[in-house]
Amino acid sequence: MSDIAARLAELERLGLNRRLRLVSGPQGPTVLLDGKPVLLLCSNNYLGLADHPRVREAAAEAAMRWGAGAGASRLISGTMTVHRRLEERLASFERSQACLLFGAGYLANLGVISALAGPEDAVFSDELNHASIVDGCRLSRAEVIVYRHLDVEHLEWSMRRDRARRDGRGRRLIVTDSVFSMDGDIAPLAAIVEIARAHGARVAVDEAHATGTVGPGGRGAIAEAGLEGEIDVTIGTLGKALGSYGAYVCAEEDMVRYLINAARPLIFSTAPSPPAVAAALAALELLDERPHRVQRLRANARALRRALSAEGFAVADDDMPIVPLVLGDERAAMEMCQAAIEGGVFAQAIRPPTVPAGTSRLRLAAMASHTSADMVKAASVLAAAARELALDPAAIGPPPSRLPTDQQTAADHEREEAALYEPQALSSSVPFDHEQGTPPEHAPFDHERDGEFARAA
């Protein structure tokens, strides 16, 4: 057996083997999945704009005017007038001085983090940050200090300890998702900014799942928190609520000029295609003209949560469109996913390494284009799927608010991911120095096993 076949066999044994599912038609409320009509409940097309006639027409017209592709990187000949128009529009939307387009959100996070931190610096990262942030930290080769999810006391303690240990040397960057893609919870941005200012750190916030879903006019969690102008770097995506493809970074003009020179994924990647850029422009216009789409999305999210609660699922009664149904076991998540598909609902199973071990789940996502009847149907089908598998809906709901009972941290999670998907595991970590103090008492932490500053590979 080849090493590749052996790896595939191991993934299959662990219930972690992934396969592509074929969807026919646009990302609407209903799609054909492997030829079967199903209610789509796992797309990030939150506002339903990917299939909007004006968005599609804008993409088609751009292809005729500018061509199908940009043909070069941004620094060669790939920056066209349509790119500049979108950057100006996004800067206005984000209430920022300047904006820079990237080919994808993954590239934007890699570019920003690796440009703002290096081997002599420290990056402070929420333990549930997106993989693109994790990989951006690795690419930077900075020391990566993982703090507990949403735990600003642990973040502040970690920054104080690092500052004392370094004697003030090196740059510090705090990076976080604003809305977390798998849990749907929101980072305490105001507290993070306060801590950053106290310790001379920059803050980078990824608004991928916040743009178009929260905040006034759908402008994101930063606007919702009243922090416009307070965040050093805002990363956003065009491929979720805005229904297109690509990403952007908003910041002060000097920062954007620096990223043009220092962000390697920007320098060495082809510019976003003109049709995708024009589609995003049309989506922004629609969001500006019809902000009620955001309210409709939140209403559908609330309807979905209440319908799930009525069926016995343990879900929070709020209006965030990302709804995690955590089963824990990988195979149980896959079996419930398949049972739901057979019942006419496509709710994708999410397993490690996308989520920490022991938190495999179905990740539900409401869209503005759904109806309240869709939400009721989804909850009914999911409840029937649970009963078919002899699962108690009351035991299926949000993830644990803190670390799993075995105290597994993001550092452990990274090592597991590295062992499965990389030729070599991450380099050794540096344990906490007990003489510098202890973490907050309300958040118990095993120093010997889990209290580590995970260095980037």
Protein backbone atom coordinates (compact mmCIF):
# COMPACT_ATOMS: atom_id res chain seq x y z
CA MET A 1 0.00 0.00 0.00
CA SER A 2 1.36 3.42 -0.93
CA ASP A 3 1.77 6.13 1.68
CA ILE A 4 -1.14 8.05 0.11
CA ALA A 5 -3.40 5.00 0.20
CA ALA A 6 -2.38 4.42 3.82
CA ARG A 7 -3.27 7.98 4.75
CA LEU A 8 -6.66 7.64 3.04
CA ALA A 9 -7.29 4.38 4.87
CA GLU A 10 -6.45 6.03 8.19
CA LEU A 11 -8.82 8.92 7.47
CA GLU A 12 -11.55 6.40 6.62
CA ARG A 13 -10.89 4.49 9.85
CA LEU A 14 -11.21 7.69 11.88
CA GLY A 15 -14.41 8.73 10.13
CA LEU A 16 -12.61 11.77 8.68
CA ASN A 17 -12.46 10.94 4.97
CA ARG A 18 -14.01 13.75 2.93
CA ARG A 19 -15.66 13.58 -0.47
CA LEU A 20 -16.99 16.20 -2.82
CA ARG A 21 -20.76 16.41 -3.25
CA LEU A 22 -22.14 17.56 -6.59
CA VAL A 23 -24.62 20.45 -6.47
CA SER A 24 -26.52 21.37 -9.62
CA GLY A 25 -27.86 24.88 -10.14
CA PRO A 26 -27.20 28.13 -8.26
CA GLN A 27 -26.96 28.48 -4.47
CA GLY A 28 -30.66 29.06 -3.88
CA PRO A 29 -32.92 27.81 -1.08
CA THR A 30 -33.32 24.50 -2.95
CA VAL A 31 -30.65 22.74 -5.01
CA LEU A 32 -30.10 19.40 -6.66
CA LEU A 33 -27.62 17.38 -4.61
CA ASP A 34 -26.30 14.40 -6.56
CA GLY A 35 -29.50 14.71 -8.60
CA LYS A 36 -31.85 14.87 -5.59
CA PRO A 37 -33.79 18.07 -4.72
CA VAL A 38 -32.94 19.23 -1.19
CA LEU A 39 -33.40 22.30 0.98
CA LEU A 40 -29.96 23.95 1.16
CA LEU A 41 -29.04 24.67 4.77
CA CYS A 42 -25.24 24.84 4.66
CA SER A 43 -24.38 27.59 2.19
CA ASN A 44 -22.68 30.87 3.15
CA ASN A 45 -24.81 32.71 0.57
CA TYR A 46 -26.42 34.43 3.56
CA LEU A 47 -28.28 37.20 1.70
CA GLY A 48 -29.21 35.07 -1.30
CA LEU A 49 -27.30 37.40 -3.62
CA ALA A 50 -25.26 34.79 -5.51
CA ASP A 51 -28.31 34.09 -7.67
CA HIS A 52 -29.76 37.63 -7.78
CA PRO A 53 -30.48 38.73 -11.38
CA ARG A 54 -28.61 42.02 -11.01
CA VAL A 55 -25.54 40.27 -9.62
CA ARG A 56 -25.54 37.71 -12.42
CA GLU A 57 -26.08 40.38 -15.05
CA ALA A 58 -23.22 42.48 -13.66
CA ALA A 59 -20.89 39.49 -13.90
CA ALA A 60 -21.96 38.74 -17.47
CA GLU A 61 -21.54 42.36 -18.58
CA ALA A 62 -18.10 42.55 -16.95
CA ALA A 63 -16.98 39.43 -18.81
CA MET A 64 -17.95 41.07 -22.09
CA ARG A 65 -16.28 44.38 -21.19
CA TRP A 66 -13.11 43.32 -19.33
CA GLY A 67 -12.80 39.63 -20.14
CA ALA A 68 -13.12 36.47 -18.10
CA GLY A 69 -9.87 36.90 -16.17
CA ALA A 70 -7.49 39.59 -14.97
CA GLY A 71 -4.54 37.96 -16.71
CA ALA A 72 -1.86 39.01 -14.24
CA SER A 73 -1.13 39.85 -10.63
CA ARG A 74 -2.19 43.13 -9.08
CA LEU A 75 1.36 44.52 -9.39
CA ILE A 76 1.77 43.67 -13.08
CA SER A 77 -1.23 44.43 -15.31
CA GLY A 78 -4.02 42.85 -13.27
CA THR A 79 -5.39 46.00 -11.63
CA MET A 80 -8.25 47.25 -13.81
CA THR A 81 -10.68 50.11 -13.39
CA VAL A 82 -13.31 47.69 -12.08
CA HIS A 83 -10.94 46.62 -9.28
CA ARG A 84 -10.34 50.23 -8.30
CA ARG A 85 -14.10 50.97 -8.31
CA LEU A 86 -14.77 48.09 -5.94
CA GLU A 87 -11.91 49.08 -3.63
CA GLU A 88 -13.27 52.61 -3.37
CA ARG A 89 -16.79 51.28 -2.74
CA LEU A 90 -15.60 48.87 -0.06
CA ALA A 91 -13.53 51.56 1.69
CA SER A 92 -16.68 53.67 1.90
CA PHE A 93 -18.75 50.69 3.07
CA GLU A 94 -16.22 49.92 5.83
CA ARG A 95 -15.74 53.61 6.76
CA SER A 96 -12.03 53.13 6.05
CA GLN A 97 -9.34 55.20 4.34
CA ALA A 98 -8.32 52.58 1.81
CA CYS A 99 -9.00 49.07 0.56
CA LEU A 100 -7.04 46.35 -1.22
CA LEU A 101 -8.58 43.39 -3.10
CA PHE A 102 -7.21 39.86 -2.76
CA GLY A 103 -8.06 36.70 -4.66
CA ALA A 104 -9.62 34.92 -1.66
CA GLY A 105 -10.12 35.29 2.08
CA TYR A 106 -7.50 32.62 2.68
CA LEU A 107 -4.96 34.64 0.71
CA ALA A 108 -5.90 37.86 2.50
CA ASN A 109 -5.30 36.37 5.95
CA LEU A 110 -2.02 34.81 4.88
CA GLY A 111 -0.91 38.12 3.40
CA VAL A 112 -1.90 40.36 6.30
CA ILE A 113 -0.51 38.23 9.12
CA SER A 114 2.77 37.36 7.41
CA ALA A 115 3.29 41.03 6.51
CA LEU A 116 2.61 42.33 10.02
CA ALA A 117 4.53 39.74 12.05
CA GLY A 118 7.88 37.99 11.72
CA PRO A 119 10.24 35.72 13.66
CA GLU A 120 10.94 38.37 16.32
CA ASP A 121 7.24 39.12 16.90
CA ALA A 122 4.23 37.59 18.66
CA VAL A 123 0.75 36.88 17.31
CA PHE A 124 -2.12 36.35 19.75
CA SER A 125 -4.80 34.16 18.19
CA ASP A 126 -8.19 32.94 19.43
CA GLU A 127 -8.13 29.16 19.67
CA LEU A 128 -11.10 28.81 17.28
CA ASN A 129 -9.84 31.16 14.58
CA HIS A 130 -10.28 30.05 10.98
CA ALA A 131 -7.64 27.83 9.39
CA SER A 132 -6.53 30.70 7.15
CA ILE A 133 -5.57 32.67 10.26
CA VAL A 134 -3.77 29.65 11.71
CA ASP A 135 -1.84 29.21 8.47
CA GLY A 136 -1.10 32.93 8.27
CA CYS A 137 0.48 32.66 11.70
CA ARG A 138 2.57 29.73 10.52
CA LEU A 139 3.69 31.58 7.41
CA SER A 140 4.75 34.59 9.48
CA ARG A 141 7.10 32.40 11.59
CA ALA A 142 6.18 34.57 14.56
CA GLU A 143 5.65 33.11 18.00
CA VAL A 144 1.96 32.22 18.15
CA ILE A 145 0.23 32.56 21.50
CA VAL A 146 -3.18 30.90 21.46
CA TYR A 147 -5.71 32.26 23.94
CA ARG A 148 -8.91 30.56 25.01
CA HIS A 149 -11.95 31.17 22.88
CA LEU A 150 -13.45 34.62 23.59
CA ASP A 151 -11.53 34.76 26.89
CA VAL A 152 -10.25 38.34 27.14
CA GLU A 153 -8.88 37.78 30.64
CA HIS A 154 -6.67 35.00 29.30
CA LEU A 155 -5.67 37.23 26.37
CA GLU A 156 -4.73 40.09 28.70
CA TRP A 157 -2.80 37.74 30.99
CA SER A 158 -0.96 36.27 28.00
CA MET A 159 -0.01 39.71 26.74
CA ARG A 160 1.27 40.83 30.13
CA ARG A 161 3.37 37.70 30.47
CA ASP A 162 4.75 37.98 26.94
CA ARG A 163 5.58 41.65 27.38
CA ALA A 164 7.51 40.93 30.57
CA ARG A 165 9.31 37.98 29.02
CA ARG A 166 10.33 39.95 25.93
CA ASP A 167 11.07 43.13 27.87
CA GLY A 168 8.97 45.05 25.35
CA ARG A 169 10.87 43.81 22.28
CA GLY A 170 9.15 42.84 19.04
CA ARG A 171 5.78 43.66 17.53
CA ARG A 172 2.48 42.26 18.80
CA LEU A 173 -0.57 41.43 16.71
CA ILE A 174 -3.95 40.25 17.97
CA VAL A 175 -5.95 38.48 15.27
CA THR A 176 -9.49 37.17 15.58
CA ASP A 177 -12.57 36.28 13.63
CA SER A 178 -15.44 38.59 14.50
CA VAL A 179 -18.18 36.02 13.87
CA PHE A 180 -16.78 32.51 14.25
CA SER A 181 -17.58 30.33 11.28
CA MET A 182 -18.39 27.09 13.08
CA ASP A 183 -20.04 28.34 16.30
CA GLY A 184 -21.64 31.60 15.14
CA ASP A 185 -20.58 33.48 18.27
CA ILE A 186 -19.07 36.97 18.25
CA ALA A 187 -15.68 38.10 19.52
CA PRO A 188 -15.62 40.72 22.32
CA LEU A 189 -14.05 43.29 20.01
CA ALA A 190 -14.29 46.31 22.33
CA ALA A 191 -12.38 44.49 25.08
CA ILE A 192 -9.81 43.20 22.59
CA VAL A 193 -9.16 46.72 21.29
CA GLU A 194 -8.77 48.02 24.85
CA ILE A 195 -6.23 45.31 25.66
CA ALA A 196 -4.35 45.94 22.43
CA ARG A 197 -4.04 49.65 23.11
CA ALA A 198 -2.81 49.00 26.64
CA HIS A 199 -0.05 46.73 25.34
CA GLY A 200 0.91 48.52 22.13
CA ALA A 201 -0.47 45.80 19.87
CA ARG A 202 -2.19 45.96 16.50
CA VAL A 203 -5.57 44.32 15.91
CA ALA A 204 -6.63 42.46 12.77
CA VAL A 205 -10.25 41.31 12.53
CA ASP A 206 -11.65 38.88 9.96
CA GLU A 207 -15.25 39.87 9.19
CA ALA A 208 -15.86 37.01 6.72
CA HIS A 209 -19.06 35.82 8.40
CA ALA A 210 -20.08 39.23 9.75
CA THR A 211 -20.22 41.30 6.57
CA GLY A 212 -23.82 41.35 5.43
CA THR A 213 -25.11 39.50 8.50
CA VAL A 214 -24.66 41.84 11.48
CA GLY A 215 -24.24 45.53 12.16
CA PRO A 216 -25.99 48.61 10.76
CA GLY A 217 -26.61 48.09 7.06
CA GLY A 218 -24.85 44.73 7.30
CA ARG A 219 -21.50 46.45 7.81
CA GLY A 220 -20.29 43.82 10.25
CA ALA A 221 -19.45 43.25 13.90
CA ILE A 222 -16.95 46.12 14.00
CA ALA A 223 -19.70 48.59 13.11
CA GLU A 224 -22.09 46.83 15.49
CA ALA A 225 -19.59 47.42 18.32
CA GLY A 226 -19.09 51.06 17.35
CA LEU A 227 -15.41 50.46 16.60
CA GLU A 228 -15.11 51.83 13.08
CA GLY A 229 -11.73 53.51 12.85
CA GLU A 230 -10.44 51.60 15.90
CA ILE A 231 -9.34 48.38 14.15
CA ASP A 232 -5.95 48.41 12.46
CA VAL A 233 -6.81 45.93 9.72
CA THR A 234 -10.22 44.63 8.65
CA ILE A 235 -10.37 41.55 6.44
CA GLY A 236 -13.56 40.81 4.54
CA THR A 237 -14.78 38.39 1.92
CA LEU A 238 -16.80 38.74 -1.26
CA GLY A 239 -17.70 35.05 -1.36
CA LYS A 240 -20.26 34.76 1.41
CA ALA A 241 -23.02 37.33 2.00
CA LEU A 242 -21.95 39.32 -1.07
CA GLY A 243 -22.46 36.28 -3.28
CA SER A 244 -19.30 36.52 -5.39
CA TYR A 245 -15.65 35.48 -4.94
CA GLY A 246 -12.57 37.18 -3.59
CA ALA A 247 -11.63 39.18 -0.51
CA TYR A 248 -10.49 42.58 0.67
CA VAL A 249 -8.48 44.32 3.35
CA CYS A 250 -9.44 47.76 4.69
CA ALA A 251 -7.03 49.94 6.66
CA GLU A 252 -5.30 53.30 6.69
CA GLU A 253 -3.64 54.34 3.43
CA ASP A 254 -0.11 53.70 4.71
CA MET A 255 -1.06 50.19 5.79
CA VAL A 256 -2.56 49.40 2.39
CA ARG A 257 0.53 50.75 0.62
CA TYR A 258 2.68 48.58 2.88
CA LEU A 259 0.61 45.46 2.11
CA ILE A 260 1.00 46.10 -1.62
CA ASN A 261 4.74 45.75 -1.03
CA ALA A 262 4.78 43.06 1.67
CA ALA A 263 1.79 40.71 1.24
CA ARG A 264 3.21 37.82 -0.78
CA PRO A 265 -0.17 36.22 -1.63
CA LEU A 266 -1.15 39.52 -3.26
CA ILE A 267 2.15 39.97 -5.08
CA PHE A 268 2.34 36.44 -6.46
CA SER A 269 -1.33 35.69 -7.29
CA THR A 270 -3.48 36.61 -10.26
CA ALA A 271 -5.91 39.44 -9.51
CA PRO A 272 -9.59 38.63 -8.91
CA SER A 273 -11.55 38.10 -12.13
CA PRO A 274 -13.49 41.11 -13.49
CA PRO A 275 -16.84 39.23 -13.45
CA ALA A 276 -16.41 38.39 -9.75
CA VAL A 277 -15.44 41.98 -8.94
CA ALA A 278 -18.40 43.42 -10.85
CA ALA A 279 -20.74 40.94 -9.17
CA ALA A 280 -19.54 42.12 -5.75
CA LEU A 281 -20.12 45.74 -6.77
CA ALA A 282 -23.70 44.90 -7.71
CA ALA A 283 -24.18 43.03 -4.42
CA LEU A 284 -22.96 46.04 -2.43
CA GLU A 285 -25.40 48.26 -4.30
CA LEU A 286 -28.25 45.88 -3.47
CA LEU A 287 -27.23 45.75 0.18
CA ASP A 288 -27.22 49.55 0.29
CA GLU A 289 -30.58 49.83 -1.47
CA ARG A 290 -32.30 46.97 0.34
CA PRO A 291 -30.90 46.59 3.86
CA HIS A 292 -34.08 44.71 4.77
CA ARG A 293 -32.34 41.60 3.42
CA VAL A 294 -30.23 41.58 6.59
CA GLN A 295 -33.37 41.76 8.73
CA ARG A 296 -34.94 38.95 6.70
CA LEU A 297 -31.84 36.82 7.24
CA ARG A 298 -31.93 37.39 10.99
CA ALA A 299 -35.68 36.68 11.08
CA ASN A 300 -35.13 33.38 9.27
CA ALA A 301 -32.31 32.52 11.66
CA ARG A 302 -34.59 33.18 14.61
CA ALA A 303 -37.35 31.10 13.01
CA LEU A 304 -34.94 28.22 12.44
CA ARG A 305 -33.71 28.29 16.01
CA ARG A 306 -37.22 28.39 17.43
CA ALA A 307 -38.35 25.55 15.18
CA LEU A 308 -35.36 23.48 16.30
CA SER A 309 -36.11 24.28 19.93
CA ALA A 310 -39.72 23.19 19.43
CA GLU A 311 -38.40 19.85 18.14
CA GLY A 312 -36.34 19.46 21.32
CA PHE A 313 -32.89 20.57 20.14
CA ALA A 314 -30.78 22.56 22.61
CA VAL A 315 -30.16 25.76 20.65
CA ALA A 316 -29.82 29.36 21.77
CA ASP A 317 -32.80 31.66 21.17
CA ASP A 318 -31.02 34.35 19.18
CA ASP A 319 -30.87 35.45 15.55
CA MET A 320 -27.37 34.51 14.41
CA PRO A 321 -27.60 32.64 11.08
CA ILE A 322 -24.92 30.04 11.91
CA VAL A 323 -26.53 27.30 14.02
CA PRO A 324 -24.25 24.47 15.24
CA LEU A 325 -25.80 21.14 16.18
CA VAL A 326 -22.94 19.40 17.97
CA LEU A 327 -23.11 15.61 18.16
CA GLY A 328 -19.50 15.03 19.21
CA ASP A 329 -18.81 11.78 17.39
CA GLU A 330 -17.61 11.97 13.77
CA ARG A 331 -19.62 8.99 12.54
CA ALA A 332 -22.79 10.19 14.26
CA ALA A 333 -22.46 13.52 12.48
CA MET A 334 -22.01 11.81 9.12
CA GLU A 335 -24.95 9.49 9.71
CA MET A 336 -27.24 12.34 10.71
CA CYS A 337 -26.11 14.35 7.69
CA GLN A 338 -27.01 11.46 5.37
CA ALA A 339 -30.35 10.86 7.10
CA ALA A 340 -31.22 14.54 6.72
CA ILE A 341 -30.34 14.45 3.01
CA GLU A 342 -32.61 11.45 2.56
CA GLY A 343 -35.33 13.52 4.22
CA GLY A 344 -34.73 16.42 1.83
CA VAL A 345 -32.42 18.73 3.82
CA PHE A 346 -28.73 19.31 3.06
CA ALA A 347 -27.00 20.15 6.35
CA GLN A 348 -23.31 19.33 6.01
CA ALA A 349 -21.39 17.41 8.66
CA ILE A 350 -18.31 19.22 9.98
CA ARG A 351 -15.52 17.12 11.49
CA PRO A 352 -11.93 17.53 12.66
CA PRO A 353 -9.64 19.18 11.74
CA THR A 354 -12.20 21.88 10.84
CA VAL A 355 -13.51 21.70 14.42
CA PRO A 356 -11.78 20.39 17.57
CA ALA A 357 -11.95 16.68 18.32
CA GLY A 358 -15.13 15.70 20.11
CA THR A 359 -17.21 18.53 18.61
CA SER A 360 -18.25 17.10 15.23
CA ARG A 361 -21.51 18.66 14.18
CA LEU A 362 -24.00 19.69 11.58
CA ARG A 363 -23.43 23.34 10.74
CA LEU A 364 -26.70 24.95 9.71
CA ALA A 365 -26.81 28.30 7.92
CA ALA A 366 -29.96 30.30 7.29
CA MET A 367 -30.31 32.50 4.21
CA ALA A 368 -32.45 35.55 3.51
CA SER A 369 -33.95 33.67 0.56
CA HIS A 370 -35.39 30.95 2.78
CA THR A 371 -38.98 31.11 3.96
CA SER A 372 -40.31 30.50 7.45
CA ALA A 373 -41.84 27.28 6.10
CA ASP A 374 -38.36 26.18 5.01
CA MET A 375 -37.14 26.65 8.56
CA VAL A 376 -39.96 24.56 10.01
CA LYS A 377 -39.37 21.82 7.44
CA ALA A 378 -35.65 21.78 8.20
CA ALA A 379 -36.22 21.37 11.93
CA SER A 380 -38.76 18.61 11.36
CA VAL A 381 -36.46 16.66 9.04
CA LEU A 382 -33.50 17.03 11.40
CA ALA A 383 -35.58 15.82 14.35
CA ALA A 384 -36.73 12.81 12.33
CA ALA A 385 -33.12 12.08 11.39
CA ALA A 386 -32.11 12.18 15.05
CA ARG A 387 -34.92 9.82 16.05
CA GLU A 388 -34.01 7.44 13.22
CA LEU A 389 -30.51 7.21 14.68
CA ALA A 390 -31.79 6.89 18.27
CA LEU A 391 -30.29 10.26 19.17
CA ASP A 392 -31.81 12.59 21.75
CA PRO A 393 -32.31 16.08 20.25
CA ALA A 394 -31.95 17.56 23.74
CA ALA A 395 -28.33 16.36 23.73
CA ILE A 396 -27.66 18.02 20.36
CA GLY A 397 -26.96 21.73 20.41
CA PRO A 398 -24.26 24.36 20.80
CA PRO A 399 -20.62 23.50 21.51
CA PRO A 400 -19.30 23.62 25.08
CA SER A 401 -18.69 27.17 26.23
CA ARG A 402 -15.18 26.28 27.32
CA LEU A 403 -12.59 23.66 26.53
CA PRO A 404 -13.67 20.01 26.31
CA THR A 405 -13.44 18.06 29.54
CA ASP A 406 -10.10 16.55 28.57
CA GLN A 407 -8.75 20.13 28.39
CA GLN A 408 -7.72 19.81 24.76
CA THR A 409 -6.55 23.16 23.42
CA ALA A 410 -5.90 24.61 20.02
CA ALA A 411 -2.25 23.60 20.40
CA ASP A 412 -3.29 19.95 20.70
CA HIS A 413 -5.71 20.40 17.80
CA GLU A 414 -2.92 21.79 15.61
CA ARG A 415 -0.70 18.82 16.41
CA GLU A 416 -3.48 16.40 15.43
CA GLU A 417 -4.07 18.28 12.19
CA ALA A 418 -0.36 18.35 11.42
CA ALA A 419 -0.01 14.62 12.00
CA LEU A 420 -2.83 13.84 9.59
CA TYR A 421 -2.22 16.35 6.84
CA GLU A 422 1.41 17.44 6.95
CA PRO A 423 4.66 15.55 6.41
CA GLN A 424 6.03 16.87 9.70
CA ALA A 425 4.33 17.97 12.89
CA LEU A 426 4.71 21.49 14.24
CA SER A 427 7.97 22.35 15.94
CA SER A 428 8.15 22.10 19.69
CA SER A 429 6.30 24.53 21.87
CA VAL A 430 7.59 26.57 24.77
CA PRO A 431 5.88 25.92 28.14
CA PHE A 432 4.58 28.68 30.35
CA ASP A 433 7.03 30.16 32.82
CA HIS A 434 5.32 29.54 36.16
CA GLU A 435 7.32 32.32 37.80
CA GLN A 436 5.56 34.90 35.63
CA GLY A 437 2.15 34.19 37.11
CA THR A 438 -0.91 32.07 36.41
CA PRO A 439 -3.95 32.38 34.18
CA PRO A 440 -7.24 33.65 35.64
CA GLU A 441 -8.53 31.21 38.24
CA HIS A 442 -12.02 30.94 36.75
CA ALA A 443 -10.57 29.27 33.63
CA PRO A 444 -8.62 26.20 34.79
CA PHE A 445 -5.72 25.37 32.53
CA ASP A 446 -3.33 22.42 32.64
CA HIS A 447 0.09 24.08 32.38
CA GLU A 448 2.03 20.86 31.95
CA ARG A 449 -0.01 19.60 29.02
CA ASP A 450 -1.91 22.51 27.56
CA GLY A 451 -0.31 25.76 28.63
CA GLU A 452 1.94 26.27 25.67
CA PHE A 453 3.01 29.02 23.33
CA ALA A 454 2.61 27.14 20.04
CA ARG A 455 5.32 28.23 17.66
CA ALA A 456 4.55 28.41 13.96
CA ALA A 457 6.14 25.72 11.86
